[in-house]
């Protein structure tokens, strides 16, 4: 079964995080990524740009219309996401609970119900 794990952030939180702690935080996250990549359960881990870099793209009268994003006006936004391929929901929950800082911020876990076939 495939699952999407999402981590939320906000600029206020990132700005308040002490600069000297970033290397340790990144090392912990990379160790997590390596552990589950090596087990074959982590298919991908992706950190997203700050919300100020997001764009909304729509088509209006056949032409792309691009505006600043994200769509929702909120302080919280998706900071990173992970794609898992695991044997069960229980295993996905175990991995989500092992995420560094899951004791500080929640990890959102979504089952993937449909995947477009690869060509």
PDB file of N, CA and C in Angstrom:
ATOM      1  N   UNK A   1       0.846  -1.176   0.000  1.00  0.00           N
ATOM      2  CA  UNK A   1       0.000   0.000   0.000  1.00  0.00           C
ATOM      3  C   UNK A   1       0.892   1.240   0.000  1.00  0.00           C
ATOM      4  N   UNK A   2       0.448   2.230  -0.733  1.00  0.00           N
ATOM      5  CA  UNK A   2       1.201   3.484  -0.762  1.00  0.00           C
ATOM      6  C   UNK A   2       0.504   4.524   0.104  1.00  0.00           C
ATOM      7  N   UNK A   3       1.342   5.332   0.750  1.00  0.00           N
ATOM      8  CA  UNK A   3       0.865   6.398   1.627  1.00  0.00           C
ATOM      9  C   UNK A   3       1.652   7.669   1.359  1.00  0.00           C
ATOM     10  N   UNK A   4       0.976   8.774   1.540  1.00  0.00           N
ATOM     11  CA  UNK A   4       1.602  10.084   1.477  1.00  0.00           C
ATOM     12  C   UNK A   4       1.705  10.609   2.905  1.00  0.00           C
ATOM     13  N   UNK A   5       2.903  10.970   3.325  1.00  0.00           N
ATOM     14  CA  UNK A   5       3.094  11.622   4.622  1.00  0.00           C
ATOM     15  C   UNK A   5       3.373  13.093   4.345  1.00  0.00           C
ATOM     16  N   UNK A   6       2.710  13.964   5.088  1.00  0.00           N
ATOM     17  CA  UNK A   6       2.915  15.398   4.901  1.00  0.00           C
ATOM     18  C   UNK A   6       3.308  16.043   6.218  1.00  0.00           C
ATOM     19  N   UNK A   7       4.253  16.960   6.118  1.00  0.00           N
ATOM     20  CA  UNK A   7       4.721  17.740   7.251  1.00  0.00           C
ATOM     21  C   UNK A   7       4.354  19.190   6.970  1.00  0.00           C
ATOM     22  N   UNK A   8       3.771  19.847   7.945  1.00  0.00           N
ATOM     23  CA  UNK A   8       3.381  21.240   7.783  1.00  0.00           C
ATOM     24  C   UNK A   8       4.382  22.152   8.484  1.00  0.00           C
ATOM     25  N   UNK A   9       4.478  23.359   8.011  1.00  0.00           N
ATOM     26  CA  UNK A   9       5.356  24.351   8.622  1.00  0.00           C
ATOM     27  C   UNK A   9       4.747  25.717   8.466  1.00  0.00           C
ATOM     28  N   UNK A  10       5.435  26.691   9.006  1.00  0.00           N
ATOM     29  CA  UNK A  10       5.072  28.077   8.777  1.00  0.00           C
ATOM     30  C   UNK A  10       6.318  28.932   8.950  1.00  0.00           C
ATOM     31  N   UNK A  11       6.325  30.065   8.307  1.00  0.00           N
ATOM     32  CA  UNK A  11       7.518  30.907   8.289  1.00  0.00           C
ATOM     33  C   UNK A  11       7.915  31.364   9.685  1.00  0.00           C
ATOM     34  N   UNK A  12       6.937  31.620  10.522  1.00  0.00           N
ATOM     35  CA  UNK A  12       7.217  32.040  11.897  1.00  0.00           C
ATOM     36  C   UNK A  12       8.019  30.959  12.639  1.00  0.00           C
ATOM     37  N   UNK A  13       7.625  29.709  12.453  1.00  0.00           N
ATOM     38  CA  UNK A  13       8.326  28.598  13.099  1.00  0.00           C
ATOM     39  C   UNK A  13       9.749  28.488  12.566  1.00  0.00           C
ATOM     40  N   UNK A  14       9.914  28.560  11.236  1.00  0.00           N
ATOM     41  CA  UNK A  14      11.258  28.433  10.655  1.00  0.00           C
ATOM     42  C   UNK A  14      12.143  29.578  11.117  1.00  0.00           C
ATOM     43  N   UNK A  15      11.611  30.785  11.166  1.00  0.00           N
ATOM     44  CA  UNK A  15      12.405  31.941  11.590  1.00  0.00           C
ATOM     45  C   UNK A  15      12.835  31.836  13.047  1.00  0.00           C
ATOM     46  N   UNK A  16      12.016  31.178  13.881  1.00  0.00           N
ATOM     47  CA  UNK A  16      12.322  31.061  15.310  1.00  0.00           C
ATOM     48  C   UNK A  16      13.278  29.902  15.616  1.00  0.00           C
ATOM     49  N   UNK A  17      13.495  29.013  14.653  1.00  0.00           N
ATOM     50  CA  UNK A  17      14.363  27.855  14.880  1.00  0.00           C
ATOM     51  C   UNK A  17      15.809  28.339  14.921  1.00  0.00           C
ATOM     52  N   UNK A  18      16.545  28.052  16.002  1.00  0.00           N
ATOM     53  CA  UNK A  18      17.920  28.548  16.127  1.00  0.00           C
ATOM     54  C   UNK A  18      18.822  28.041  14.997  1.00  0.00           C
ATOM     55  N   UNK A  19      19.532  28.933  14.353  1.00  0.00           N
ATOM     56  CA  UNK A  19      20.383  28.605  13.208  1.00  0.00           C
ATOM     57  C   UNK A  19      21.389  27.513  13.533  1.00  0.00           C
ATOM     58  N   UNK A  20      21.923  27.518  14.740  1.00  0.00           N
ATOM     59  CA  UNK A  20      22.937  26.522  15.103  1.00  0.00           C
ATOM     60  C   UNK A  20      22.345  25.118  15.246  1.00  0.00           C
ATOM     61  N   UNK A  21      21.015  24.994  15.321  1.00  0.00           N
ATOM     62  CA  UNK A  21      20.374  23.684  15.435  1.00  0.00           C
ATOM     63  C   UNK A  21      20.003  23.076  14.082  1.00  0.00           C
ATOM     64  N   UNK A  22      20.058  23.869  13.004  1.00  0.00           N
ATOM     65  CA  UNK A  22      19.686  23.362  11.686  1.00  0.00           C
ATOM     66  C   UNK A  22      20.539  22.171  11.235  1.00  0.00           C
ATOM     67  N   UNK A  23      21.864  22.220  11.372  1.00  0.00           N
ATOM     68  CA  UNK A  23      22.653  21.057  10.923  1.00  0.00           C
ATOM     69  C   UNK A  23      22.240  19.748  11.603  1.00  0.00           C
ATOM     70  N   UNK A  24      21.977  19.781  12.904  1.00  0.00           N
ATOM     71  CA  UNK A  24      21.549  18.580  13.615  1.00  0.00           C
ATOM     72  C   UNK A  24      20.165  18.129  13.142  1.00  0.00           C
ATOM     73  N   UNK A  25      19.260  19.080  12.948  1.00  0.00           N
ATOM     74  CA  UNK A  25      17.911  18.748  12.483  1.00  0.00           C
ATOM     75  C   UNK A  25      17.956  18.117  11.094  1.00  0.00           C
ATOM     76  N   UNK A  26      18.781  18.665  10.227  1.00  0.00           N
ATOM     77  CA  UNK A  26      18.900  18.117   8.872  1.00  0.00           C
ATOM     78  C   UNK A  26      19.534  16.730   8.909  1.00  0.00           C
ATOM     79  N   UNK A  27      20.535  16.539   9.756  1.00  0.00           N
ATOM     80  CA  UNK A  27      21.183  15.228   9.882  1.00  0.00           C
ATOM     81  C   UNK A  27      20.188  14.175  10.375  1.00  0.00           C
ATOM     82  N   UNK A  28      19.357  14.524  11.344  1.00  0.00           N
ATOM     83  CA  UNK A  28      18.336  13.589  11.837  1.00  0.00           C
ATOM     84  C   UNK A  28      17.359  13.221  10.730  1.00  0.00           C
ATOM     85  N   UNK A  29      16.952  14.213   9.953  1.00  0.00           N
ATOM     86  CA  UNK A  29      15.997  13.944   8.873  1.00  0.00           C
ATOM     87  C   UNK A  29      16.634  13.078   7.795  1.00  0.00           C
ATOM     88  N   UNK A  30      17.878  13.356   7.453  1.00  0.00           N
ATOM     89  CA  UNK A  30      18.564  12.553   6.431  1.00  0.00           C
ATOM     90  C   UNK A  30      18.779  11.119   6.914  1.00  0.00           C
ATOM     91  N   UNK A  31      19.033  10.921   8.219  1.00  0.00           N
ATOM     92  CA  UNK A  31      19.162   9.560   8.767  1.00  0.00           C
ATOM     93  C   UNK A  31      17.832   8.817   8.652  1.00  0.00           C
ATOM     94  N   UNK A  32      16.738   9.496   8.950  1.00  0.00           N
ATOM     95  CA  UNK A  32      15.397   8.921   8.786  1.00  0.00           C
ATOM     96  C   UNK A  32      15.181   8.525   7.322  1.00  0.00           C
ATOM     97  N   UNK A  33      15.479   9.456   6.408  1.00  0.00           N
ATOM     98  CA  UNK A  33      15.293   9.188   4.979  1.00  0.00           C
ATOM     99  C   UNK A  33      16.111   7.973   4.545  1.00  0.00           C
ATOM    100  N   UNK A  34      17.372   7.911   4.951  1.00  0.00           N
ATOM    101  CA  UNK A  34      18.248   6.797   4.558  1.00  0.00           C
ATOM    102  C   UNK A  34      17.730   5.470   5.110  1.00  0.00           C
ATOM    103  N   UNK A  35      17.283   5.474   6.364  1.00  0.00           N
ATOM    104  CA  UNK A  35      16.776   4.252   7.000  1.00  0.00           C
ATOM    105  C   UNK A  35      15.635   3.642   6.198  1.00  0.00           C
ATOM    106  N   UNK A  36      14.673   4.459   5.811  1.00  0.00           N
ATOM    107  CA  UNK A  36      13.498   3.935   5.122  1.00  0.00           C
ATOM    108  C   UNK A  36      13.705   3.811   3.613  1.00  0.00           C
ATOM    109  N   UNK A  37      14.632   4.558   3.056  1.00  0.00           N
ATOM    110  CA  UNK A  37      14.997   4.352   1.657  1.00  0.00           C
ATOM    111  C   UNK A  37      15.698   3.003   1.521  1.00  0.00           C
ATOM    112  N   UNK A  38      16.601   2.706   2.488  1.00  0.00           N
ATOM    113  CA  UNK A  38      17.324   1.429   2.477  1.00  0.00           C
ATOM    114  C   UNK A  38      16.387   0.236   2.668  1.00  0.00           C
ATOM    115  N   UNK A  39      15.300   0.413   3.438  1.00  0.00           N
ATOM    116  CA  UNK A  39      14.343  -0.674   3.642  1.00  0.00           C
ATOM    117  C   UNK A  39      13.435  -0.854   2.427  1.00  0.00           C
ATOM    118  N   UNK A  40      13.474   0.113   1.495  1.00  0.00           N
ATOM    119  CA  UNK A  40      12.624   0.069   0.313  1.00  0.00           C
ATOM    120  C   UNK A  40      11.236   0.644   0.536  1.00  0.00           C
ATOM    121  N   UNK A  41      10.977   1.172   1.742  1.00  0.00           N
ATOM    122  CA  UNK A  41       9.637   1.687   2.062  1.00  0.00           C
ATOM    123  C   UNK A  41       9.466   3.165   1.726  1.00  0.00           C
ATOM    124  N   UNK A  42      10.555   3.901   1.613  1.00  0.00           N
ATOM    125  CA  UNK A  42      10.485   5.317   1.262  1.00  0.00           C
ATOM    126  C   UNK A  42      10.803   5.456  -0.216  1.00  0.00           C
ATOM    127  N   UNK A  43       9.806   5.845  -0.991  1.00  0.00           N
ATOM    128  CA  UNK A  43       9.987   6.010  -2.431  1.00  0.00           C
ATOM    129  C   UNK A  43      10.514   7.390  -2.778  1.00  0.00           C
ATOM    130  N   UNK A  44      10.218   8.377  -1.943  1.00  0.00           N
ATOM    131  CA  UNK A  44      10.679   9.736  -2.205  1.00  0.00           C
ATOM    132  C   UNK A  44      10.425  10.637  -1.027  1.00  0.00           C
ATOM    133  N   UNK A  45      11.320  11.605  -0.829  1.00  0.00           N
ATOM    134  CA  UNK A  45      11.190  12.614   0.228  1.00  0.00           C
ATOM    135  C   UNK A  45      11.463  13.962  -0.424  1.00  0.00           C
ATOM    136  N   UNK A  46      10.536  14.891  -0.257  1.00  0.00           N
ATOM    137  CA  UNK A  46      10.616  16.147  -0.983  1.00  0.00           C
ATOM    138  C   UNK A  46      10.337  17.329  -0.058  1.00  0.00           C
ATOM    139  N   UNK A  47      11.288  18.227   0.054  1.00  0.00           N
ATOM    140  CA  UNK A  47      11.093  19.468   0.803  1.00  0.00           C
ATOM    141  C   UNK A  47      10.631  20.546  -0.158  1.00  0.00           C
ATOM    142  N   UNK A  48       9.629  21.287   0.240  1.00  0.00           N
ATOM    143  CA  UNK A  48       9.059  22.314  -0.631  1.00  0.00           C
ATOM    144  C   UNK A  48       9.604  23.696  -0.278  1.00  0.00           C
ATOM    145  N   UNK A  49       9.536  24.599  -1.242  1.00  0.00           N
ATOM    146  CA  UNK A  49       9.939  25.979  -1.021  1.00  0.00           C
ATOM    147  C   UNK A  49       8.963  26.677  -0.088  1.00  0.00           C
ATOM    148  N   UNK A  50       9.374  27.820   0.414  1.00  0.00           N
ATOM    149  CA  UNK A  50       8.505  28.602   1.291  1.00  0.00           C
ATOM    150  C   UNK A  50       7.220  28.987   0.562  1.00  0.00           C
ATOM    151  N   UNK A  51       6.171  29.229   1.326  1.00  0.00           N
ATOM    152  CA  UNK A  51       4.860  29.545   0.746  1.00  0.00           C
ATOM    153  C   UNK A  51       4.914  30.757  -0.174  1.00  0.00           C
ATOM    154  N   UNK A  52       5.815  31.699   0.086  1.00  0.00           N
ATOM    155  CA  UNK A  52       5.893  32.894  -0.769  1.00  0.00           C
ATOM    156  C   UNK A  52       6.348  32.561  -2.182  1.00  0.00           C
ATOM    157  N   UNK A  53       6.905  31.366  -2.386  1.00  0.00           N
ATOM    158  CA  UNK A  53       7.353  30.976  -3.723  1.00  0.00           C
ATOM    159  C   UNK A  53       6.302  30.163  -4.482  1.00  0.00           C
ATOM    160  N   UNK A  54       5.199  29.816  -3.816  1.00  0.00           N
ATOM    161  CA  UNK A  54       4.145  29.016  -4.453  1.00  0.00           C
ATOM    162  C   UNK A  54       3.379  29.860  -5.467  1.00  0.00           C
ATOM    163  N   UNK A  55       2.890  29.218  -6.491  1.00  0.00           N
ATOM    164  CA  UNK A  55       2.096  29.885  -7.524  1.00  0.00           C
ATOM    165  C   UNK A  55       0.841  29.080  -7.794  1.00  0.00           C
ATOM    166  N   UNK A  56      -0.214  29.782  -8.125  1.00  0.00           N
ATOM    167  CA  UNK A  56      -1.469  29.162  -8.544  1.00  0.00           C
ATOM    168  C   UNK A  56      -1.572  29.350 -10.053  1.00  0.00           C
ATOM    169  N   UNK A  57      -1.836  28.261 -10.745  1.00  0.00           N
ATOM    170  CA  UNK A  57      -1.960  28.320 -12.201  1.00  0.00           C
ATOM    171  C   UNK A  57      -3.356  27.846 -12.584  1.00  0.00           C
ATOM    172  N   UNK A  58      -4.029  28.681 -13.311  1.00  0.00           N
ATOM    173  CA  UNK A  58      -5.351  28.355 -13.842  1.00  0.00           C
ATOM    174  C   UNK A  58      -5.330  28.622 -15.336  1.00  0.00           C
ATOM    175  N   UNK A  59      -6.308  28.091 -16.021  1.00  0.00           N
ATOM    176  CA  UNK A  59      -6.461  28.391 -17.438  1.00  0.00           C
ATOM    177  C   UNK A  59      -7.723  29.236 -17.576  1.00  0.00           C
ATOM    178  N   UNK A  60      -7.570  30.400 -18.128  1.00  0.00           N
ATOM    179  CA  UNK A  60      -8.691  31.313 -18.349  1.00  0.00           C
ATOM    180  C   UNK A  60      -8.756  31.600 -19.850  1.00  0.00           C
ATOM    181  N   UNK A  61      -9.855  31.228 -20.462  1.00  0.00           N
ATOM    182  CA  UNK A  61     -10.028  31.413 -21.911  1.00  0.00           C
ATOM    183  C   UNK A  61      -8.866  30.801 -22.688  1.00  0.00           C
ATOM    184  N   UNK A  62      -8.408  29.639 -22.239  1.00  0.00           N
ATOM    185  CA  UNK A  62      -7.352  28.925 -22.940  1.00  0.00           C
ATOM    186  C   UNK A  62      -5.941  29.409 -22.671  1.00  0.00           C
ATOM    187  N   UNK A  63      -5.791  30.394 -21.801  1.00  0.00           N
ATOM    188  CA  UNK A  63      -4.473  30.978 -21.521  1.00  0.00           C
ATOM    189  C   UNK A  63      -4.146  30.784 -20.041  1.00  0.00           C
ATOM    190  N   UNK A  64      -2.903  30.468 -19.761  1.00  0.00           N
ATOM    191  CA  UNK A  64      -2.475  30.296 -18.369  1.00  0.00           C
ATOM    192  C   UNK A  64      -2.582  31.620 -17.623  1.00  0.00           C
ATOM    193  N   UNK A  65      -3.173  31.567 -16.445  1.00  0.00           N
ATOM    194  CA  UNK A  65      -3.259  32.725 -15.562  1.00  0.00           C
ATOM    195  C   UNK A  65      -2.539  32.327 -14.270  1.00  0.00           C
ATOM    196  N   UNK A  66      -1.455  33.013 -13.956  1.00  0.00           N
ATOM    197  CA  UNK A  66      -0.611  32.669 -12.821  1.00  0.00           C
ATOM    198  C   UNK A  66      -0.706  33.760 -11.766  1.00  0.00           C
ATOM    199  N   UNK A  67      -0.976  33.342 -10.531  1.00  0.00           N
ATOM    200  CA  UNK A  67      -1.028  34.275  -9.408  1.00  0.00           C
ATOM    201  C   UNK A  67      -0.195  33.712  -8.264  1.00  0.00           C
ATOM    202  N   UNK A  68       0.085  34.561  -7.297  1.00  0.00           N
ATOM    203  CA  UNK A  68       0.798  34.098  -6.114  1.00  0.00           C
ATOM    204  C   UNK A  68      -0.062  33.080  -5.388  1.00  0.00           C
ATOM    205  N   UNK A  69       0.573  32.116  -4.757  1.00  0.00           N
ATOM    206  CA  UNK A  69      -0.125  31.101  -3.979  1.00  0.00           C
ATOM    207  C   UNK A  69       0.404  31.129  -2.566  1.00  0.00           C
ATOM    208  N   UNK A  70       0.079  30.211  -1.746  1.00  0.00           N
ATOM    209  CA  UNK A  70      -0.847  29.118  -2.016  1.00  0.00           C
ATOM    210  C   UNK A  70      -2.300  29.586  -2.026  1.00  0.00           C
ATOM    211  N   UNK A  71      -3.174  28.684  -2.419  1.00  0.00           N
ATOM    212  CA  UNK A  71      -4.589  29.008  -2.580  1.00  0.00           C
ATOM    213  C   UNK A  71      -5.222  29.466  -1.281  1.00  0.00           C
ATOM    214  N   UNK A  72      -4.972  28.709  -0.219  1.00  0.00           N
ATOM    215  CA  UNK A  72      -5.562  29.048   1.075  1.00  0.00           C
ATOM    216  C   UNK A  72      -4.727  30.107   1.776  1.00  0.00           C
ATOM    217  N   UNK A  73      -5.368  31.064   2.362  1.00  0.00           N
ATOM    218  CA  UNK A  73      -4.678  32.070   3.156  1.00  0.00           C
ATOM    219  C   UNK A  73      -4.525  31.520   4.567  1.00  0.00           C
ATOM    220  N   UNK A  74      -3.364  30.982   4.855  1.00  0.00           N
ATOM    221  CA  UNK A  74      -3.123  30.357   6.138  1.00  0.00           C
ATOM    222  C   UNK A  74      -1.663  30.490   6.500  1.00  0.00           C
ATOM    223  N   UNK A  75      -1.358  30.438   7.779  1.00  0.00           N
ATOM    224  CA  UNK A  75       0.030  30.477   8.219  1.00  0.00           C
ATOM    225  C   UNK A  75       0.707  29.133   7.997  1.00  0.00           C
ATOM    226  N   UNK A  76      -0.068  28.061   8.101  1.00  0.00           N
ATOM    227  CA  UNK A  76       0.475  26.715   7.924  1.00  0.00           C
ATOM    228  C   UNK A  76       0.440  26.333   6.452  1.00  0.00           C
ATOM    229  N   UNK A  77       1.469  25.652   6.009  1.00  0.00           N
ATOM    230  CA  UNK A  77       1.511  25.168   4.633  1.00  0.00           C
ATOM    231  C   UNK A  77       2.301  23.870   4.592  1.00  0.00           C
ATOM    232  N   UNK A  78       2.156  23.116   3.510  1.00  0.00           N
ATOM    233  CA  UNK A  78       2.893  21.871   3.379  1.00  0.00           C
ATOM    234  C   UNK A  78       4.361  22.215   3.189  1.00  0.00           C
ATOM    235  N   UNK A  79       5.194  21.748   4.101  1.00  0.00           N
ATOM    236  CA  UNK A  79       6.628  22.018   4.039  1.00  0.00           C
ATOM    237  C   UNK A  79       7.372  20.903   3.314  1.00  0.00           C
ATOM    238  N   UNK A  80       6.917  19.669   3.497  1.00  0.00           N
ATOM    239  CA  UNK A  80       7.551  18.546   2.813  1.00  0.00           C
ATOM    240  C   UNK A  80       6.572  17.388   2.739  1.00  0.00           C
ATOM    241  N   UNK A  81       6.852  16.474   1.801  1.00  0.00           N
ATOM    242  CA  UNK A  81       6.020  15.290   1.698  1.00  0.00           C
ATOM    243  C   UNK A  81       6.880  14.092   1.340  1.00  0.00           C
ATOM    244  N   UNK A  82       6.370  12.925   1.704  1.00  0.00           N
ATOM    245  CA  UNK A  82       7.087  11.667   1.572  1.00  0.00           C
ATOM    246  C   UNK A  82       6.145  10.647   0.961  1.00  0.00           C
ATOM    247  N   UNK A  83       6.662   9.822   0.084  1.00  0.00           N
ATOM    248  CA  UNK A  83       5.871   8.770  -0.527  1.00  0.00           C
ATOM    249  C   UNK A  83       6.385   7.434  -0.006  1.00  0.00           C
ATOM    250  N   UNK A  84       5.479   6.687   0.643  1.00  0.00           N
ATOM    251  CA  UNK A  84       5.815   5.390   1.221  1.00  0.00           C
ATOM    252  C   UNK A  84       5.161   4.269   0.430  1.00  0.00           C
ATOM    253  N   UNK A  85       5.803   3.105   0.442  1.00  0.00           N
ATOM    254  CA  UNK A  85       5.208   1.884  -0.084  1.00  0.00           C
ATOM    255  C   UNK A  85       5.442   0.818   0.976  1.00  0.00           C
ATOM    256  N   UNK A  86       4.378   0.485   1.710  1.00  0.00           N
ATOM    257  CA  UNK A  86       4.498  -0.376   2.889  1.00  0.00           C
ATOM    258  C   UNK A  86       3.495  -1.520   2.824  1.00  0.00           C
ATOM    259  N   UNK A  87       3.663  -2.482   3.697  1.00  0.00           N
ATOM    260  CA  UNK A  87       2.806  -3.665   3.742  1.00  0.00           C
ATOM    261  C   UNK A  87       1.428  -3.390   4.335  1.00  0.00           C
ATOM    262  N   UNK A  88       1.342  -2.378   5.227  1.00  0.00           N
ATOM    263  CA  UNK A  88       0.076  -2.171   5.928  1.00  0.00           C
ATOM    264  C   UNK A  88      -0.028  -0.741   6.440  1.00  0.00           C
ATOM    265  N   UNK A  89      -1.253  -0.378   6.829  1.00  0.00           N
ATOM    266  CA  UNK A  89      -1.456   0.931   7.450  1.00  0.00           C
ATOM    267  C   UNK A  89      -0.689   1.014   8.764  1.00  0.00           C
ATOM    268  N   UNK A  90      -0.642  -0.079   9.493  1.00  0.00           N
ATOM    269  CA  UNK A  90       0.101  -0.092  10.756  1.00  0.00           C
ATOM    270  C   UNK A  90       1.567   0.275  10.531  1.00  0.00           C
ATOM    271  N   UNK A  91       2.163  -0.282   9.477  1.00  0.00           N
ATOM    272  CA  UNK A  91       3.564   0.028   9.188  1.00  0.00           C
ATOM    273  C   UNK A  91       3.714   1.492   8.809  1.00  0.00           C
ATOM    274  N   UNK A  92       2.787   2.036   8.038  1.00  0.00           N
ATOM    275  CA  UNK A  92       2.835   3.461   7.685  1.00  0.00           C
ATOM    276  C   UNK A  92       2.763   4.322   8.941  1.00  0.00           C
ATOM    277  N   UNK A  93       1.940   3.935   9.892  1.00  0.00           N
ATOM    278  CA  UNK A  93       1.835   4.668  11.154  1.00  0.00           C
ATOM    279  C   UNK A  93       3.132   4.601  11.946  1.00  0.00           C
ATOM    280  N   UNK A  94       3.766   3.430  11.947  1.00  0.00           N
ATOM    281  CA  UNK A  94       5.049   3.283  12.653  1.00  0.00           C
ATOM    282  C   UNK A  94       6.108   4.216  12.064  1.00  0.00           C
ATOM    283  N   UNK A  95       6.162   4.270  10.746  1.00  0.00           N
ATOM    284  CA  UNK A  95       7.142   5.136  10.090  1.00  0.00           C
ATOM    285  C   UNK A  95       6.827   6.600  10.377  1.00  0.00           C
ATOM    286  N   UNK A  96       5.550   6.980  10.290  1.00  0.00           N
ATOM    287  CA  UNK A  96       5.163   8.366  10.585  1.00  0.00           C
ATOM    288  C   UNK A  96       5.542   8.747  12.017  1.00  0.00           C
ATOM    289  N   UNK A  97       5.359   7.834  12.949  1.00  0.00           N
ATOM    290  CA  UNK A  97       5.699   8.107  14.348  1.00  0.00           C
ATOM    291  C   UNK A  97       7.207   8.198  14.561  1.00  0.00           C
ATOM    292  N   UNK A  98       7.993   7.603  13.668  1.00  0.00           N
ATOM    293  CA  UNK A  98       9.453   7.644  13.757  1.00  0.00           C
ATOM    294  C   UNK A  98      10.033   8.909  13.132  1.00  0.00           C
ATOM    295  N   UNK A  99       9.205   9.698  12.461  1.00  0.00           N
ATOM    296  CA  UNK A  99       9.662  10.931  11.825  1.00  0.00           C
ATOM    297  C   UNK A  99      10.309  11.833  12.878  1.00  0.00           C
ATOM    298  N   UNK A 100      11.518  12.343  12.625  1.00  0.00           N
ATOM    299  CA  UNK A 100      12.107  13.271  13.579  1.00  0.00           C
ATOM    300  C   UNK A 100      11.128  14.430  13.844  1.00  0.00           C
ATOM    301  N   UNK A 101      11.025  14.798  15.072  1.00  0.00           N
ATOM    302  CA  UNK A 101      10.181  15.910  15.522  1.00  0.00           C
ATOM    303  C   UNK A 101       8.692  15.607  15.474  1.00  0.00           C
ATOM    304  N   UNK A 102       8.302  14.329  15.288  1.00  0.00           N
ATOM    305  CA  UNK A 102       6.879  13.978  15.350  1.00  0.00           C
ATOM    306  C   UNK A 102       6.336  14.204  16.755  1.00  0.00           C
ATOM    307  N   UNK A 103       7.225  14.315  17.718  1.00  0.00           N
ATOM    308  CA  UNK A 103       6.781  14.628  19.078  1.00  0.00           C
ATOM    309  C   UNK A 103       6.482  16.114  19.240  1.00  0.00           C
ATOM    310  N   UNK A 104       6.880  16.924  18.257  1.00  0.00           N
ATOM    311  CA  UNK A 104       6.653  18.374  18.299  1.00  0.00           C
ATOM    312  C   UNK A 104       5.547  18.787  17.334  1.00  0.00           C
ATOM    313  N   UNK A 105       5.595  18.239  16.123  1.00  0.00           N
ATOM    314  CA  UNK A 105       4.621  18.571  15.085  1.00  0.00           C
ATOM    315  C   UNK A 105       4.017  17.289  14.532  1.00  0.00           C
ATOM    316  N   UNK A 106       2.731  17.289  14.247  1.00  0.00           N
ATOM    317  CA  UNK A 106       2.097  16.072  13.722  1.00  0.00           C
ATOM    318  C   UNK A 106       2.538  15.769  12.296  1.00  0.00           C
ATOM    319  N   UNK A 107       2.420  14.513  11.939  1.00  0.00           N
ATOM    320  CA  UNK A 107       2.672  14.036  10.583  1.00  0.00           C
ATOM    321  C   UNK A 107       1.327  13.579  10.037  1.00  0.00           C
ATOM    322  N   UNK A 108       0.927  14.139   8.908  1.00  0.00           N
ATOM    323  CA  UNK A 108      -0.343  13.756   8.307  1.00  0.00           C
ATOM    324  C   UNK A 108      -0.100  12.567   7.383  1.00  0.00           C
ATOM    325  N   UNK A 109      -0.942  11.556   7.496  1.00  0.00           N
ATOM    326  CA  UNK A 109      -0.774  10.320   6.742  1.00  0.00           C
ATOM    327  C   UNK A 109      -2.024  10.071   5.907  1.00  0.00           C
ATOM    328  N   UNK A 110      -1.855   9.953   4.605  1.00  0.00           N
ATOM    329  CA  UNK A 110      -2.966   9.753   3.684  1.00  0.00           C
ATOM    330  C   UNK A 110      -2.743   8.486   2.862  1.00  0.00           C
ATOM    331  N   UNK A 111      -3.720   7.569   2.819  1.00  0.00           N
ATOM    332  CA  UNK A 111      -3.591   6.424   1.914  1.00  0.00           C
ATOM    333  C   UNK A 111      -3.756   6.899   0.474  1.00  0.00           C
ATOM    334  N   UNK A 112      -2.999   6.318  -0.420  1.00  0.00           N
ATOM    335  CA  UNK A 112      -3.131   6.629  -1.843  1.00  0.00           C
ATOM    336  C   UNK A 112      -4.068   5.579  -2.436  1.00  0.00           C
ATOM    337  N   UNK A 113      -5.192   6.024  -2.927  1.00  0.00           N
ATOM    338  CA  UNK A 113      -6.215   5.114  -3.402  1.00  0.00           C
ATOM    339  C   UNK A 113      -6.101   4.782  -4.872  1.00  0.00           C
ATOM    340  N   UNK A 114      -5.458   5.641  -5.636  1.00  0.00           N
ATOM    341  CA  UNK A 114      -5.360   5.411  -7.072  1.00  0.00           C
ATOM    342  C   UNK A 114      -4.002   5.881  -7.560  1.00  0.00           C
ATOM    343  N   UNK A 115      -3.415   5.106  -8.459  1.00  0.00           N
ATOM    344  CA  UNK A 115      -2.163   5.495  -9.088  1.00  0.00           C
ATOM    345  C   UNK A 115      -2.308   5.290 -10.588  1.00  0.00           C
ATOM    346  N   UNK A 116      -1.975   6.312 -11.342  1.00  0.00           N
ATOM    347  CA  UNK A 116      -2.051   6.210 -12.792  1.00  0.00           C
ATOM    348  C   UNK A 116      -1.003   5.197 -13.275  1.00  0.00           C
ATOM    349  N   UNK A 117      -1.392   4.303 -14.163  1.00  0.00           N
ATOM    350  CA  UNK A 117      -0.431   3.313 -14.648  1.00  0.00           C
ATOM    351  C   UNK A 117       0.743   3.971 -15.358  1.00  0.00           C
ATOM    352  N   UNK A 118       1.919   3.391 -15.182  1.00  0.00           N
ATOM    353  CA  UNK A 118       3.106   3.912 -15.853  1.00  0.00           C
ATOM    354  C   UNK A 118       3.153   3.363 -17.265  1.00  0.00           C
ATOM    355  N   UNK A 119       3.638   4.176 -18.158  1.00  0.00           N
ATOM    356  CA  UNK A 119       3.731   3.775 -19.568  1.00  0.00           C
ATOM    357  C   UNK A 119       4.884   2.840 -19.793  1.00  0.00           C
TER     358      UNK A 119
END
